[in-house]
């Protein structure tokens, strides 16, 4: 059974930090490109960050460059999103996403709220 389980979301003040984790099971994690998406209320889901299978290549949404860092640990089947200098505009549900040659999987999402 394929599972992507996100954790680490919550309420944080502007300027604060959070680290999201996504634990994967049921598929060959190291063969999948991993991504984080987010969706704010009333808005379309957008791609925040992605990381290649071996972790050597990463990409970011322009508005989070320099503040967010995606990483992965293939030994632990886990992908992370370190989020620093958080802004109210970062408030959204954050989703973990796995893309393989033939399959795509989504996590259930974790809420991140940036507010004073």
PDB file of N, CA and C in Angstrom:
ATOM      1  N   UNK A   1       0.842  -1.191   0.000  1.00  0.00           N
ATOM      2  CA  UNK A   1       0.000   0.000   0.000  1.00  0.00           C
ATOM      3  C   UNK A   1       0.883   1.250   0.000  1.00  0.00           C
ATOM      4  N   UNK A   2       0.654   2.096  -0.983  1.00  0.00           N
ATOM      5  CA  UNK A   2       1.438   3.317  -1.105  1.00  0.00           C
ATOM      6  C   UNK A   2       0.953   4.354  -0.102  1.00  0.00           C
ATOM      7  N   UNK A   3       1.906   4.966   0.595  1.00  0.00           N
ATOM      8  CA  UNK A   3       1.573   6.034   1.520  1.00  0.00           C
ATOM      9  C   UNK A   3       2.604   7.144   1.447  1.00  0.00           C
ATOM     10  N   UNK A   4       2.110   8.371   1.475  1.00  0.00           N
ATOM     11  CA  UNK A   4       2.934   9.562   1.674  1.00  0.00           C
ATOM     12  C   UNK A   4       2.318  10.298   2.851  1.00  0.00           C
ATOM     13  N   UNK A   5       3.057  10.371   3.935  1.00  0.00           N
ATOM     14  CA  UNK A   5       2.521  10.951   5.158  1.00  0.00           C
ATOM     15  C   UNK A   5       3.318  12.193   5.522  1.00  0.00           C
ATOM     16  N   UNK A   6       2.662  13.342   5.397  1.00  0.00           N
ATOM     17  CA  UNK A   6       3.313  14.608   5.737  1.00  0.00           C
ATOM     18  C   UNK A   6       3.169  14.906   7.223  1.00  0.00           C
ATOM     19  N   UNK A   7       4.126  15.630   7.756  1.00  0.00           N
ATOM     20  CA  UNK A   7       4.073  16.092   9.136  1.00  0.00           C
ATOM     21  C   UNK A   7       4.901  17.364   9.259  1.00  0.00           C
ATOM     22  N   UNK A   8       4.736  18.042  10.376  1.00  0.00           N
ATOM     23  CA  UNK A   8       5.541  19.227  10.649  1.00  0.00           C
ATOM     24  C   UNK A   8       4.845  20.553  10.423  1.00  0.00           C
ATOM     25  N   UNK A   9       3.620  20.532   9.925  1.00  0.00           N
ATOM     26  CA  UNK A   9       2.894  21.770   9.739  1.00  0.00           C
ATOM     27  C   UNK A   9       2.438  22.353  11.067  1.00  0.00           C
ATOM     28  N   UNK A  10       1.897  23.564  10.998  1.00  0.00           N
ATOM     29  CA  UNK A  10       1.400  24.200  12.207  1.00  0.00           C
ATOM     30  C   UNK A  10       1.283  25.695  12.042  1.00  0.00           C
ATOM     31  N   UNK A  11       1.131  26.362  13.165  1.00  0.00           N
ATOM     32  CA  UNK A  11       0.996  27.817  13.213  1.00  0.00           C
ATOM     33  C   UNK A  11       2.343  28.413  13.602  1.00  0.00           C
ATOM     34  N   UNK A  12       2.790  29.404  12.836  1.00  0.00           N
ATOM     35  CA  UNK A  12       4.068  30.048  13.108  1.00  0.00           C
ATOM     36  C   UNK A  12       3.933  31.530  12.841  1.00  0.00           C
ATOM     37  N   UNK A  13       4.685  32.327  13.568  1.00  0.00           N
ATOM     38  CA  UNK A  13       4.662  33.762  13.363  1.00  0.00           C
ATOM     39  C   UNK A  13       5.473  34.148  12.132  1.00  0.00           C
ATOM     40  N   UNK A  14       5.151  35.264  11.511  1.00  0.00           N
ATOM     41  CA  UNK A  14       5.976  35.746  10.386  1.00  0.00           C
ATOM     42  C   UNK A  14       7.436  35.833  10.787  1.00  0.00           C
ATOM     43  N   UNK A  15       8.294  35.373   9.880  1.00  0.00           N
ATOM     44  CA  UNK A  15       9.726  35.330  10.157  1.00  0.00           C
ATOM     45  C   UNK A  15      10.193  34.033  10.774  1.00  0.00           C
ATOM     46  N   UNK A  16       9.254  33.190  11.167  1.00  0.00           N
ATOM     47  CA  UNK A  16       9.599  31.929  11.801  1.00  0.00           C
ATOM     48  C   UNK A  16       9.946  30.843  10.800  1.00  0.00           C
ATOM     49  N   UNK A  17      10.194  29.654  11.339  1.00  0.00           N
ATOM     50  CA  UNK A  17      10.601  28.514  10.520  1.00  0.00           C
ATOM     51  C   UNK A  17       9.780  27.282  10.847  1.00  0.00           C
ATOM     52  N   UNK A  18       9.643  26.435   9.853  1.00  0.00           N
ATOM     53  CA  UNK A  18       9.051  25.110  10.017  1.00  0.00           C
ATOM     54  C   UNK A  18       9.798  24.140   9.130  1.00  0.00           C
ATOM     55  N   UNK A  19       9.806  22.888   9.539  1.00  0.00           N
ATOM     56  CA  UNK A  19      10.374  21.833   8.710  1.00  0.00           C
ATOM     57  C   UNK A  19       9.310  20.781   8.470  1.00  0.00           C
ATOM     58  N   UNK A  20       8.925  20.644   7.211  1.00  0.00           N
ATOM     59  CA  UNK A  20       7.966  19.609   6.843  1.00  0.00           C
ATOM     60  C   UNK A  20       8.706  18.324   6.493  1.00  0.00           C
ATOM     61  N   UNK A  21       8.082  17.207   6.827  1.00  0.00           N
ATOM     62  CA  UNK A  21       8.611  15.899   6.465  1.00  0.00           C
ATOM     63  C   UNK A  21       7.537  15.123   5.726  1.00  0.00           C
ATOM     64  N   UNK A  22       7.972  14.261   4.840  1.00  0.00           N
ATOM     65  CA  UNK A  22       7.054  13.383   4.117  1.00  0.00           C
ATOM     66  C   UNK A  22       7.675  11.991   4.107  1.00  0.00           C
ATOM     67  N   UNK A  23       7.061  11.088   4.838  1.00  0.00           N
ATOM     68  CA  UNK A  23       7.545   9.716   4.922  1.00  0.00           C
ATOM     69  C   UNK A  23       6.820   8.854   3.902  1.00  0.00           C
ATOM     70  N   UNK A  24       7.587   8.184   3.061  1.00  0.00           N
ATOM     71  CA  UNK A  24       7.022   7.390   1.969  1.00  0.00           C
ATOM     72  C   UNK A  24       7.139   5.900   2.244  1.00  0.00           C
ATOM     73  N   UNK A  25       6.175   5.149   1.751  1.00  0.00           N
ATOM     74  CA  UNK A  25       6.224   3.696   1.851  1.00  0.00           C
ATOM     75  C   UNK A  25       5.400   3.085   0.733  1.00  0.00           C
ATOM     76  N   UNK A  26       5.712   1.847   0.412  1.00  0.00           N
ATOM     77  CA  UNK A  26       4.936   1.124  -0.581  1.00  0.00           C
ATOM     78  C   UNK A  26       5.415   1.262  -2.009  1.00  0.00           C
ATOM     79  N   UNK A  27       6.488   1.986  -2.234  1.00  0.00           N
ATOM     80  CA  UNK A  27       7.065   2.102  -3.566  1.00  0.00           C
ATOM     81  C   UNK A  27       8.561   2.370  -3.437  1.00  0.00           C
ATOM     82  N   UNK A  28       9.274   2.310  -4.547  1.00  0.00           N
ATOM     83  CA  UNK A  28      10.727   2.478  -4.544  1.00  0.00           C
ATOM     84  C   UNK A  28      11.045   3.969  -4.516  1.00  0.00           C
ATOM     85  N   UNK A  29      11.142   4.498  -3.323  1.00  0.00           N
ATOM     86  CA  UNK A  29      11.269   5.939  -3.110  1.00  0.00           C
ATOM     87  C   UNK A  29      12.432   6.534  -3.903  1.00  0.00           C
ATOM     88  N   UNK A  30      13.561   5.858  -3.916  1.00  0.00           N
ATOM     89  CA  UNK A  30      14.761   6.424  -4.545  1.00  0.00           C
ATOM     90  C   UNK A  30      14.622   6.580  -6.059  1.00  0.00           C
ATOM     91  N   UNK A  31      13.603   5.976  -6.648  1.00  0.00           N
ATOM     92  CA  UNK A  31      13.385   6.065  -8.098  1.00  0.00           C
ATOM     93  C   UNK A  31      12.404   7.169  -8.477  1.00  0.00           C
ATOM     94  N   UNK A  32      11.917   7.879  -7.493  1.00  0.00           N
ATOM     95  CA  UNK A  32      10.885   8.882  -7.728  1.00  0.00           C
ATOM     96  C   UNK A  32      11.408  10.304  -7.514  1.00  0.00           C
ATOM     97  N   UNK A  33      11.063  11.189  -8.440  1.00  0.00           N
ATOM     98  CA  UNK A  33      11.247  12.618  -8.217  1.00  0.00           C
ATOM     99  C   UNK A  33      10.227  13.048  -7.158  1.00  0.00           C
ATOM    100  N   UNK A  34      10.701  13.806  -6.200  1.00  0.00           N
ATOM    101  CA  UNK A  34       9.821  14.236  -5.114  1.00  0.00           C
ATOM    102  C   UNK A  34       9.602  15.747  -5.179  1.00  0.00           C
ATOM    103  N   UNK A  35       8.385  16.139  -4.889  1.00  0.00           N
ATOM    104  CA  UNK A  35       8.024  17.561  -4.962  1.00  0.00           C
ATOM    105  C   UNK A  35       7.134  17.934  -3.789  1.00  0.00           C
ATOM    106  N   UNK A  36       7.148  19.201  -3.479  1.00  0.00           N
ATOM    107  CA  UNK A  36       6.196  19.793  -2.548  1.00  0.00           C
ATOM    108  C   UNK A  36       5.340  20.793  -3.329  1.00  0.00           C
ATOM    109  N   UNK A  37       4.037  20.662  -3.152  1.00  0.00           N
ATOM    110  CA  UNK A  37       3.071  21.608  -3.687  1.00  0.00           C
ATOM    111  C   UNK A  37       2.378  22.289  -2.517  1.00  0.00           C
ATOM    112  N   UNK A  38       1.698  23.377  -2.808  1.00  0.00           N
ATOM    113  CA  UNK A  38       0.861  24.014  -1.797  1.00  0.00           C
ATOM    114  C   UNK A  38      -0.396  24.578  -2.450  1.00  0.00           C
ATOM    115  N   UNK A  39      -1.430  24.687  -1.623  1.00  0.00           N
ATOM    116  CA  UNK A  39      -2.687  25.255  -2.101  1.00  0.00           C
ATOM    117  C   UNK A  39      -3.285  26.114  -1.018  1.00  0.00           C
ATOM    118  N   UNK A  40      -3.420  27.389  -1.330  1.00  0.00           N
ATOM    119  CA  UNK A  40      -4.042  28.331  -0.422  1.00  0.00           C
ATOM    120  C   UNK A  40      -5.541  28.385  -0.719  1.00  0.00           C
ATOM    121  N   UNK A  41      -6.351  28.806   0.245  1.00  0.00           N
ATOM    122  CA  UNK A  41      -7.799  28.879   0.025  1.00  0.00           C
ATOM    123  C   UNK A  41      -8.156  29.718  -1.200  1.00  0.00           C
ATOM    124  N   UNK A  42      -8.982  29.164  -2.069  1.00  0.00           N
ATOM    125  CA  UNK A  42      -9.434  29.879  -3.247  1.00  0.00           C
ATOM    126  C   UNK A  42      -8.418  29.989  -4.361  1.00  0.00           C
ATOM    127  N   UNK A  43      -7.287  29.319  -4.202  1.00  0.00           N
ATOM    128  CA  UNK A  43      -6.239  29.393  -5.212  1.00  0.00           C
ATOM    129  C   UNK A  43      -5.909  28.003  -5.749  1.00  0.00           C
ATOM    130  N   UNK A  44      -5.261  27.986  -6.919  1.00  0.00           N
ATOM    131  CA  UNK A  44      -4.854  26.723  -7.511  1.00  0.00           C
ATOM    132  C   UNK A  44      -3.621  26.177  -6.789  1.00  0.00           C
ATOM    133  N   UNK A  45      -3.490  24.869  -6.862  1.00  0.00           N
ATOM    134  CA  UNK A  45      -2.308  24.233  -6.280  1.00  0.00           C
ATOM    135  C   UNK A  45      -1.079  24.637  -7.100  1.00  0.00           C
ATOM    136  N   UNK A  46       0.011  24.957  -6.420  1.00  0.00           N
ATOM    137  CA  UNK A  46       1.222  25.376  -7.116  1.00  0.00           C
ATOM    138  C   UNK A  46       2.426  24.576  -6.631  1.00  0.00           C
ATOM    139  N   UNK A  47       3.362  24.389  -7.558  1.00  0.00           N
ATOM    140  CA  UNK A  47       4.582  23.664  -7.258  1.00  0.00           C
ATOM    141  C   UNK A  47       5.538  24.578  -6.490  1.00  0.00           C
ATOM    142  N   UNK A  48       5.977  24.104  -5.344  1.00  0.00           N
ATOM    143  CA  UNK A  48       6.857  24.896  -4.485  1.00  0.00           C
ATOM    144  C   UNK A  48       8.320  24.518  -4.688  1.00  0.00           C
ATOM    145  N   UNK A  49       8.599  23.215  -4.686  1.00  0.00           N
ATOM    146  CA  UNK A  49       9.990  22.765  -4.790  1.00  0.00           C
ATOM    147  C   UNK A  49      10.018  21.333  -5.282  1.00  0.00           C
ATOM    148  N   UNK A  50      11.118  20.983  -5.953  1.00  0.00           N
ATOM    149  CA  UNK A  50      11.289  19.617  -6.426  1.00  0.00           C
ATOM    150  C   UNK A  50      12.725  19.176  -6.255  1.00  0.00           C
ATOM    151  N   UNK A  51      12.913  17.857  -6.169  1.00  0.00           N
ATOM    152  CA  UNK A  51      14.258  17.316  -6.004  1.00  0.00           C
ATOM    153  C   UNK A  51      14.362  16.026  -6.792  1.00  0.00           C
ATOM    154  N   UNK A  52      15.486  15.871  -7.487  1.00  0.00           N
ATOM    155  CA  UNK A  52      15.706  14.705  -8.321  1.00  0.00           C
ATOM    156  C   UNK A  52      15.909  13.451  -7.475  1.00  0.00           C
ATOM    157  N   UNK A  53      15.937  12.315  -8.139  1.00  0.00           N
ATOM    158  CA  UNK A  53      15.971  11.028  -7.434  1.00  0.00           C
ATOM    159  C   UNK A  53      17.172  10.889  -6.512  1.00  0.00           C
ATOM    160  N   UNK A  54      18.346  11.329  -6.974  1.00  0.00           N
ATOM    161  CA  UNK A  54      19.549  11.217  -6.154  1.00  0.00           C
ATOM    162  C   UNK A  54      19.775  12.447  -5.293  1.00  0.00           C
ATOM    163  N   UNK A  55      18.921  13.440  -5.432  1.00  0.00           N
ATOM    164  CA  UNK A  55      19.021  14.625  -4.598  1.00  0.00           C
ATOM    165  C   UNK A  55      19.982  15.683  -5.090  1.00  0.00           C
ATOM    166  N   UNK A  56      20.600  15.459  -6.250  1.00  0.00           N
ATOM    167  CA  UNK A  56      21.605  16.413  -6.705  1.00  0.00           C
ATOM    168  C   UNK A  56      21.049  17.635  -7.391  1.00  0.00           C
ATOM    169  N   UNK A  57      19.792  17.581  -7.818  1.00  0.00           N
ATOM    170  CA  UNK A  57      19.196  18.694  -8.546  1.00  0.00           C
ATOM    171  C   UNK A  57      17.917  19.118  -7.853  1.00  0.00           C
ATOM    172  N   UNK A  58      17.796  20.408  -7.609  1.00  0.00           N
ATOM    173  CA  UNK A  58      16.605  20.944  -6.959  1.00  0.00           C
ATOM    174  C   UNK A  58      16.074  22.140  -7.755  1.00  0.00           C
ATOM    175  N   UNK A  59      14.812  22.433  -7.544  1.00  0.00           N
ATOM    176  CA  UNK A  59      14.204  23.595  -8.179  1.00  0.00           C
ATOM    177  C   UNK A  59      13.182  24.187  -7.225  1.00  0.00           C
ATOM    178  N   UNK A  60      12.912  25.507  -7.410  1.00  0.00           N
ATOM    179  CA  UNK A  60      12.051  26.208  -6.465  1.00  0.00           C
ATOM    180  C   UNK A  60      11.151  27.209  -7.175  1.00  0.00           C
ATOM    181  N   UNK A  61      10.002  27.412  -6.594  1.00  0.00           N
ATOM    182  CA  UNK A  61       9.132  28.523  -6.964  1.00  0.00           C
ATOM    183  C   UNK A  61       9.886  29.816  -6.663  1.00  0.00           C
ATOM    184  N   UNK A  62       9.735  30.784  -7.547  1.00  0.00           N
ATOM    185  CA  UNK A  62      10.512  32.016  -7.397  1.00  0.00           C
ATOM    186  C   UNK A  62      10.334  32.698  -6.057  1.00  0.00           C
ATOM    187  N   UNK A  63       9.109  32.692  -5.546  1.00  0.00           N
ATOM    188  CA  UNK A  63       8.825  33.432  -4.318  1.00  0.00           C
ATOM    189  C   UNK A  63       9.390  32.765  -3.064  1.00  0.00           C
ATOM    190  N   UNK A  64       9.872  31.530  -3.173  1.00  0.00           N
ATOM    191  CA  UNK A  64      10.425  30.850  -1.998  1.00  0.00           C
ATOM    192  C   UNK A  64      11.932  30.640  -2.112  1.00  0.00           C
ATOM    193  N   UNK A  65      12.510  30.974  -3.243  1.00  0.00           N
ATOM    194  CA  UNK A  65      13.962  30.806  -3.418  1.00  0.00           C
ATOM    195  C   UNK A  65      14.712  31.584  -2.351  1.00  0.00           C
ATOM    196  N   UNK A  66      15.703  30.917  -1.773  1.00  0.00           N
ATOM    197  CA  UNK A  66      16.492  31.550  -0.725  1.00  0.00           C
ATOM    198  C   UNK A  66      15.885  31.423   0.656  1.00  0.00           C
ATOM    199  N   UNK A  67      14.630  30.992   0.731  1.00  0.00           N
ATOM    200  CA  UNK A  67      13.974  30.817   2.034  1.00  0.00           C
ATOM    201  C   UNK A  67      13.659  29.344   2.329  1.00  0.00           C
ATOM    202  N   UNK A  68      13.327  28.594   1.295  1.00  0.00           N
ATOM    203  CA  UNK A  68      12.961  27.184   1.454  1.00  0.00           C
ATOM    204  C   UNK A  68      14.067  26.298   0.899  1.00  0.00           C
ATOM    205  N   UNK A  69      14.235  25.135   1.508  1.00  0.00           N
ATOM    206  CA  UNK A  69      15.205  24.151   1.037  1.00  0.00           C
ATOM    207  C   UNK A  69      14.575  22.773   1.042  1.00  0.00           C
ATOM    208  N   UNK A  70      14.596  22.132  -0.109  1.00  0.00           N
ATOM    209  CA  UNK A  70      14.102  20.762  -0.196  1.00  0.00           C
ATOM    210  C   UNK A  70      15.290  19.804  -0.125  1.00  0.00           C
ATOM    211  N   UNK A  71      15.089  18.692   0.563  1.00  0.00           N
ATOM    212  CA  UNK A  71      16.134  17.679   0.657  1.00  0.00           C
ATOM    213  C   UNK A  71      15.466  16.321   0.797  1.00  0.00           C
ATOM    214  N   UNK A  72      16.257  15.278   0.622  1.00  0.00           N
ATOM    215  CA  UNK A  72      15.716  13.928   0.750  1.00  0.00           C
ATOM    216  C   UNK A  72      16.756  13.013   1.365  1.00  0.00           C
ATOM    217  N   UNK A  73      16.252  11.979   2.034  1.00  0.00           N
ATOM    218  CA  UNK A  73      17.091  10.938   2.598  1.00  0.00           C
ATOM    219  C   UNK A  73      16.551   9.619   2.064  1.00  0.00           C
ATOM    220  N   UNK A  74      17.203   9.094   1.045  1.00  0.00           N
ATOM    221  CA  UNK A  74      16.694   7.874   0.419  1.00  0.00           C
ATOM    222  C   UNK A  74      16.811   6.661   1.339  1.00  0.00           C
ATOM    223  N   UNK A  75      17.697   6.709   2.306  1.00  0.00           N
ATOM    224  CA  UNK A  75      17.808   5.609   3.269  1.00  0.00           C
ATOM    225  C   UNK A  75      16.607   5.581   4.215  1.00  0.00           C
ATOM    226  N   UNK A  76      16.011   6.755   4.436  1.00  0.00           N
ATOM    227  CA  UNK A  76      14.853   6.845   5.327  1.00  0.00           C
ATOM    228  C   UNK A  76      13.546   7.005   4.572  1.00  0.00           C
ATOM    229  N   UNK A  77      13.615   7.002   3.238  1.00  0.00           N
ATOM    230  CA  UNK A  77      12.409   7.178   2.421  1.00  0.00           C
ATOM    231  C   UNK A  77      11.634   8.436   2.814  1.00  0.00           C
ATOM    232  N   UNK A  78      12.355   9.512   2.989  1.00  0.00           N
ATOM    233  CA  UNK A  78      11.744  10.738   3.484  1.00  0.00           C
ATOM    234  C   UNK A  78      12.258  11.945   2.692  1.00  0.00           C
ATOM    235  N   UNK A  79      11.332  12.849   2.415  1.00  0.00           N
ATOM    236  CA  UNK A  79      11.682  14.124   1.805  1.00  0.00           C
ATOM    237  C   UNK A  79      11.298  15.230   2.781  1.00  0.00           C
ATOM    238  N   UNK A  80      12.087  16.292   2.783  1.00  0.00           N
ATOM    239  CA  UNK A  80      11.901  17.384   3.731  1.00  0.00           C
ATOM    240  C   UNK A  80      11.728  18.707   2.992  1.00  0.00           C
ATOM    241  N   UNK A  81      11.093  19.637   3.674  1.00  0.00           N
ATOM    242  CA  UNK A  81      11.043  21.008   3.193  1.00  0.00           C
ATOM    243  C   UNK A  81      11.316  21.915   4.390  1.00  0.00           C
ATOM    244  N   UNK A  82      12.506  22.492   4.407  1.00  0.00           N
ATOM    245  CA  UNK A  82      12.861  23.458   5.442  1.00  0.00           C
ATOM    246  C   UNK A  82      12.389  24.831   4.983  1.00  0.00           C
ATOM    247  N   UNK A  83      11.554  25.451   5.787  1.00  0.00           N
ATOM    248  CA  UNK A  83      10.969  26.733   5.429  1.00  0.00           C
ATOM    249  C   UNK A  83      11.393  27.782   6.449  1.00  0.00           C
ATOM    250  N   UNK A  84      12.148  28.766   5.993  1.00  0.00           N
ATOM    251  CA  UNK A  84      12.624  29.851   6.852  1.00  0.00           C
ATOM    252  C   UNK A  84      12.018  31.179   6.412  1.00  0.00           C
ATOM    253  N   UNK A  85      12.119  32.161   7.283  1.00  0.00           N
ATOM    254  CA  UNK A  85      11.616  33.511   6.984  1.00  0.00           C
ATOM    255  C   UNK A  85      10.192  33.447   6.431  1.00  0.00           C
ATOM    256  N   UNK A  86       9.355  32.715   7.090  1.00  0.00           N
ATOM    257  CA  UNK A  86       7.990  32.505   6.601  1.00  0.00           C
ATOM    258  C   UNK A  86       7.191  33.796   6.587  1.00  0.00           C
ATOM    259  N   UNK A  87       6.322  33.879   5.582  1.00  0.00           N
ATOM    260  CA  UNK A  87       5.482  35.049   5.382  1.00  0.00           C
ATOM    261  C   UNK A  87       4.011  34.628   5.409  1.00  0.00           C
ATOM    262  N   UNK A  88       3.109  35.551   5.697  1.00  0.00           N
ATOM    263  CA  UNK A  88       1.682  35.200   5.661  1.00  0.00           C
ATOM    264  C   UNK A  88       1.257  34.604   4.319  1.00  0.00           C
ATOM    265  N   UNK A  89       1.874  35.028   3.228  1.00  0.00           N
ATOM    266  CA  UNK A  89       1.541  34.487   1.898  1.00  0.00           C
ATOM    267  C   UNK A  89       1.935  33.021   1.743  1.00  0.00           C
ATOM    268  N   UNK A  90       2.733  32.500   2.661  1.00  0.00           N
ATOM    269  CA  UNK A  90       3.098  31.079   2.623  1.00  0.00           C
ATOM    270  C   UNK A  90       2.013  30.195   3.239  1.00  0.00           C
ATOM    271  N   UNK A  91       0.991  30.809   3.819  1.00  0.00           N
ATOM    272  CA  UNK A  91      -0.095  30.039   4.422  1.00  0.00           C
ATOM    273  C   UNK A  91      -0.806  29.204   3.363  1.00  0.00           C
ATOM    274  N   UNK A  92      -0.879  27.904   3.602  1.00  0.00           N
ATOM    275  CA  UNK A  92      -1.479  26.985   2.638  1.00  0.00           C
ATOM    276  C   UNK A  92      -1.453  25.577   3.208  1.00  0.00           C
ATOM    277  N   UNK A  93      -2.128  24.676   2.520  1.00  0.00           N
ATOM    278  CA  UNK A  93      -1.931  23.252   2.767  1.00  0.00           C
ATOM    279  C   UNK A  93      -0.793  22.786   1.868  1.00  0.00           C
ATOM    280  N   UNK A  94       0.179  22.143   2.456  1.00  0.00           N
ATOM    281  CA  UNK A  94       1.357  21.684   1.728  1.00  0.00           C
ATOM    282  C   UNK A  94       1.241  20.180   1.480  1.00  0.00           C
ATOM    283  N   UNK A  95       1.460  19.801   0.215  1.00  0.00           N
ATOM    284  CA  UNK A  95       1.304  18.417  -0.203  1.00  0.00           C
ATOM    285  C   UNK A  95       2.626  17.845  -0.707  1.00  0.00           C
ATOM    286  N   UNK A  96       2.877  16.631  -0.328  1.00  0.00           N
ATOM    287  CA  UNK A  96       4.007  15.871  -0.834  1.00  0.00           C
ATOM    288  C   UNK A  96       3.561  15.136  -2.103  1.00  0.00           C
ATOM    289  N   UNK A  97       4.452  15.051  -3.078  1.00  0.00           N
ATOM    290  CA  UNK A  97       4.112  14.468  -4.380  1.00  0.00           C
ATOM    291  C   UNK A  97       5.285  13.626  -4.863  1.00  0.00           C
ATOM    292  N   UNK A  98       4.969  12.444  -5.358  1.00  0.00           N
ATOM    293  CA  UNK A  98       5.994  11.549  -5.901  1.00  0.00           C
ATOM    294  C   UNK A  98       5.678  11.238  -7.351  1.00  0.00           C
ATOM    295  N   UNK A  99       6.680  11.398  -8.204  1.00  0.00           N
ATOM    296  CA  UNK A  99       6.478  11.104  -9.633  1.00  0.00           C
ATOM    297  C   UNK A  99       7.512  10.101 -10.105  1.00  0.00           C
ATOM    298  N   UNK A 100       7.012   8.956 -10.592  1.00  0.00           N
ATOM    299  CA  UNK A 100       7.880   7.952 -11.173  1.00  0.00           C
ATOM    300  C   UNK A 100       7.655   7.868 -12.670  1.00  0.00           C
ATOM    301  N   UNK A 101       8.226   6.884 -13.292  1.00  0.00           N
ATOM    302  CA  UNK A 101       8.077   6.729 -14.741  1.00  0.00           C
ATOM    303  C   UNK A 101       6.630   6.448 -15.134  1.00  0.00           C
ATOM    304  N   UNK A 102       5.908   5.756 -14.258  1.00  0.00           N
ATOM    305  CA  UNK A 102       4.552   5.341 -14.617  1.00  0.00           C
ATOM    306  C   UNK A 102       3.511   5.688 -13.564  1.00  0.00           C
ATOM    307  N   UNK A 103       3.935   6.204 -12.434  1.00  0.00           N
ATOM    308  CA  UNK A 103       2.997   6.424 -11.333  1.00  0.00           C
ATOM    309  C   UNK A 103       3.218   7.781 -10.686  1.00  0.00           C
ATOM    310  N   UNK A 104       2.134   8.299 -10.132  1.00  0.00           N
ATOM    311  CA  UNK A 104       2.157   9.553  -9.382  1.00  0.00           C
ATOM    312  C   UNK A 104       1.385   9.337  -8.091  1.00  0.00           C
ATOM    313  N   UNK A 105       1.944   9.830  -6.994  1.00  0.00           N
ATOM    314  CA  UNK A 105       1.283   9.697  -5.700  1.00  0.00           C
ATOM    315  C   UNK A 105       1.239  11.048  -4.995  1.00  0.00           C
ATOM    316  N   UNK A 106       0.184  11.217  -4.193  1.00  0.00           N
ATOM    317  CA  UNK A 106       0.018  12.434  -3.404  1.00  0.00           C
ATOM    318  C   UNK A 106      -0.160  12.071  -1.930  1.00  0.00           C
ATOM    319  N   UNK A 107       0.341  12.950  -1.075  1.00  0.00           N
ATOM    320  CA  UNK A 107       0.047  12.850   0.340  1.00  0.00           C
ATOM    321  C   UNK A 107      -1.260  13.552   0.653  1.00  0.00           C
ATOM    322  N   UNK A 108      -1.659  13.497   1.916  1.00  0.00           N
ATOM    323  CA  UNK A 108      -2.945  14.057   2.327  1.00  0.00           C
ATOM    324  C   UNK A 108      -2.851  15.544   2.656  1.00  0.00           C
ATOM    325  N   UNK A 109      -1.642  16.039   2.807  1.00  0.00           N
ATOM    326  CA  UNK A 109      -1.448  17.463   3.065  1.00  0.00           C
ATOM    327  C   UNK A 109      -1.278  17.790   4.534  1.00  0.00           C
ATOM    328  N   UNK A 110      -0.554  18.877   4.784  1.00  0.00           N
ATOM    329  CA  UNK A 110      -0.386  19.379   6.139  1.00  0.00           C
ATOM    330  C   UNK A 110      -0.543  20.906   6.102  1.00  0.00           C
ATOM    331  N   UNK A 111      -1.276  21.427   7.060  1.00  0.00           N
ATOM    332  CA  UNK A 111      -1.591  22.849   7.077  1.00  0.00           C
ATOM    333  C   UNK A 111      -0.431  23.651   7.654  1.00  0.00           C
ATOM    334  N   UNK A 112      -0.063  24.702   6.938  1.00  0.00           N
ATOM    335  CA  UNK A 112       0.908  25.675   7.429  1.00  0.00           C
ATOM    336  C   UNK A 112       0.208  27.029   7.487  1.00  0.00           C
ATOM    337  N   UNK A 113       0.204  27.629   8.666  1.00  0.00           N
ATOM    338  CA  UNK A 113      -0.427  28.936   8.851  1.00  0.00           C
ATOM    339  C   UNK A 113       0.605  29.890   9.415  1.00  0.00           C
ATOM    340  N   UNK A 114       0.820  30.988   8.703  1.00  0.00           N
ATOM    341  CA  UNK A 114       1.777  32.007   9.132  1.00  0.00           C
ATOM    342  C   UNK A 114       0.985  33.247   9.531  1.00  0.00           C
ATOM    343  N   UNK A 115       0.979  33.515  10.817  1.00  0.00           N
ATOM    344  CA  UNK A 115       0.152  34.609  11.324  1.00  0.00           C
ATOM    345  C   UNK A 115       0.670  35.065  12.671  1.00  0.00           C
ATOM    346  N   UNK A 116       0.499  36.356  12.924  1.00  0.00           N
ATOM    347  CA  UNK A 116       0.879  36.889  14.230  1.00  0.00           C
ATOM    348  C   UNK A 116      -0.330  36.903  15.159  1.00  0.00           C
TER     349      UNK A 116
END
